[in-house]
Amino acid sequence: MEGGAKGRAKARPCPICGKPAQEATRPFCSKRCRDVDLNRWLSGAYVVPGAPSEDEGGE
């Protein structure tokens, strides 16, 4: 039987550029792509949706 819980997960490409991921910077292919992703989080390009807080209600 192939796969299973003990099998290695299929390698996914870098989410930034699509090149094969490297073990040292996984899931990214390089430090550059890792830094691009971090910058996107810090600049607000990525957001995690959630319920509005009480002070955002406008009342």
C-alpha atoms as a PDB file:
ATOM      1  CA  MET A   1       0.000   0.000   0.000  1.00  0.00           C
ATOM      2  CA  GLU A   2       1.457   3.386  -1.000  1.00  0.00           C
ATOM      3  CA  GLY A   3       1.013   6.693   0.820  1.00  0.00           C
ATOM      4  CA  GLY A   4      -0.718   6.461   4.141  1.00  0.00           C
ATOM      5  CA  ALA A   5      -0.059   8.386   7.334  1.00  0.00           C
ATOM      6  CA  LYS A   6       3.585   7.315   7.478  1.00  0.00           C
ATOM      7  CA  GLY A   7       4.336   8.104   3.810  1.00  0.00           C
ATOM      8  CA  ARG A   8       5.979  11.325   2.714  1.00  0.00           C
ATOM      9  CA  ALA A   9       3.626  14.064   1.600  1.00  0.00           C
ATOM     10  CA  LYS A  10       3.756  14.988  -2.069  1.00  0.00           C
ATOM     11  CA  ALA A  11       6.082  17.938  -2.643  1.00  0.00           C
ATOM     12  CA  ARG A  12       4.175  21.103  -3.424  1.00  0.00           C
ATOM     13  CA  PRO A  13       5.502  23.955  -5.515  1.00  0.00           C
ATOM     14  CA  CYS A  14       6.470  27.298  -4.013  1.00  0.00           C
ATOM     15  CA  PRO A  15       3.264  29.309  -3.448  1.00  0.00           C
ATOM     16  CA  ILE A  16       4.969  32.505  -4.668  1.00  0.00           C
ATOM     17  CA  CYS A  17       6.676  31.481  -7.924  1.00  0.00           C
ATOM     18  CA  GLY A  18       5.722  27.841  -8.532  1.00  0.00           C
ATOM     19  CA  LYS A  19       9.267  26.418  -8.489  1.00  0.00           C
ATOM     20  CA  PRO A  20       9.947  23.243  -6.484  1.00  0.00           C
ATOM     21  CA  ALA A  21      10.155  23.923  -2.745  1.00  0.00           C
ATOM     22  CA  GLN A  22      13.498  23.492  -0.965  1.00  0.00           C
ATOM     23  CA  GLU A  23      13.769  21.688   2.362  1.00  0.00           C
ATOM     24  CA  ALA A  24      15.598  24.606   4.050  1.00  0.00           C
ATOM     25  CA  THR A  25      12.886  27.158   3.192  1.00  0.00           C
ATOM     26  CA  ARG A  26       9.832  24.922   2.827  1.00  0.00           C
ATOM     27  CA  PRO A  27       7.147  25.609   1.632  1.00  0.00           C
ATOM     28  CA  PHE A  28       9.077  28.190  -0.400  1.00  0.00           C
ATOM     29  CA  CYS A  29      11.851  27.678  -2.957  1.00  0.00           C
ATOM     30  CA  SER A  30      14.152  30.379  -1.584  1.00  0.00           C
ATOM     31  CA  LYS A  31      14.686  32.985   1.107  1.00  0.00           C
ATOM     32  CA  ARG A  32      13.544  35.609  -1.404  1.00  0.00           C
ATOM     33  CA  CYS A  33      10.122  33.987  -1.864  1.00  0.00           C
ATOM     34  CA  ARG A  34       9.836  33.515   1.906  1.00  0.00           C
ATOM     35  CA  ASP A  35      10.519  37.233   2.393  1.00  0.00           C
ATOM     36  CA  VAL A  36       8.007  38.200  -0.329  1.00  0.00           C
ATOM     37  CA  ASP A  37       5.335  36.211   1.527  1.00  0.00           C
ATOM     38  CA  LEU A  38       6.253  37.806   4.870  1.00  0.00           C
ATOM     39  CA  ASN A  39       6.060  41.274   3.320  1.00  0.00           C
ATOM     40  CA  ARG A  40       2.588  40.507   1.958  1.00  0.00           C
ATOM     41  CA  TRP A  41       1.397  39.576   5.456  1.00  0.00           C
ATOM     42  CA  LEU A  42       3.002  42.627   7.069  1.00  0.00           C
ATOM     43  CA  SER A  43       1.664  45.067   4.455  1.00  0.00           C
ATOM     44  CA  GLY A  44      -1.908  43.792   4.814  1.00  0.00           C
ATOM     45  CA  ALA A  45      -2.146  42.146   1.381  1.00  0.00           C
ATOM     46  CA  TYR A  46      -3.177  38.915   3.142  1.00  0.00           C
ATOM     47  CA  VAL A  47      -5.903  38.939   5.771  1.00  0.00           C
ATOM     48  CA  VAL A  48      -7.602  36.265   7.808  1.00  0.00           C
ATOM     49  CA  PRO A  49     -11.376  36.838   7.814  1.00  0.00           C
ATOM     50  CA  GLY A  50     -13.133  36.971  11.116  1.00  0.00           C
ATOM     51  CA  ALA A  51     -16.152  38.347  12.883  1.00  0.00           C
ATOM     52  CA  PRO A  52     -16.193  42.157  13.194  1.00  0.00           C
ATOM     53  CA  SER A  53     -15.150  43.408  16.603  1.00  0.00           C
ATOM     54  CA  GLU A  54     -17.444  45.597  18.712  1.00  0.00           C
ATOM     55  CA  ASP A  55     -15.526  48.808  17.952  1.00  0.00           C
ATOM     56  CA  GLU A  56     -15.932  48.270  14.165  1.00  0.00           C
ATOM     57  CA  GLY A  57     -19.732  48.416  14.318  1.00  0.00           C
ATOM     58  CA  GLY A  58     -19.971  52.159  13.702  1.00  0.00           C
ATOM     59  CA  GLU A  59     -22.443  52.743  16.532  1.00  0.00           C
END
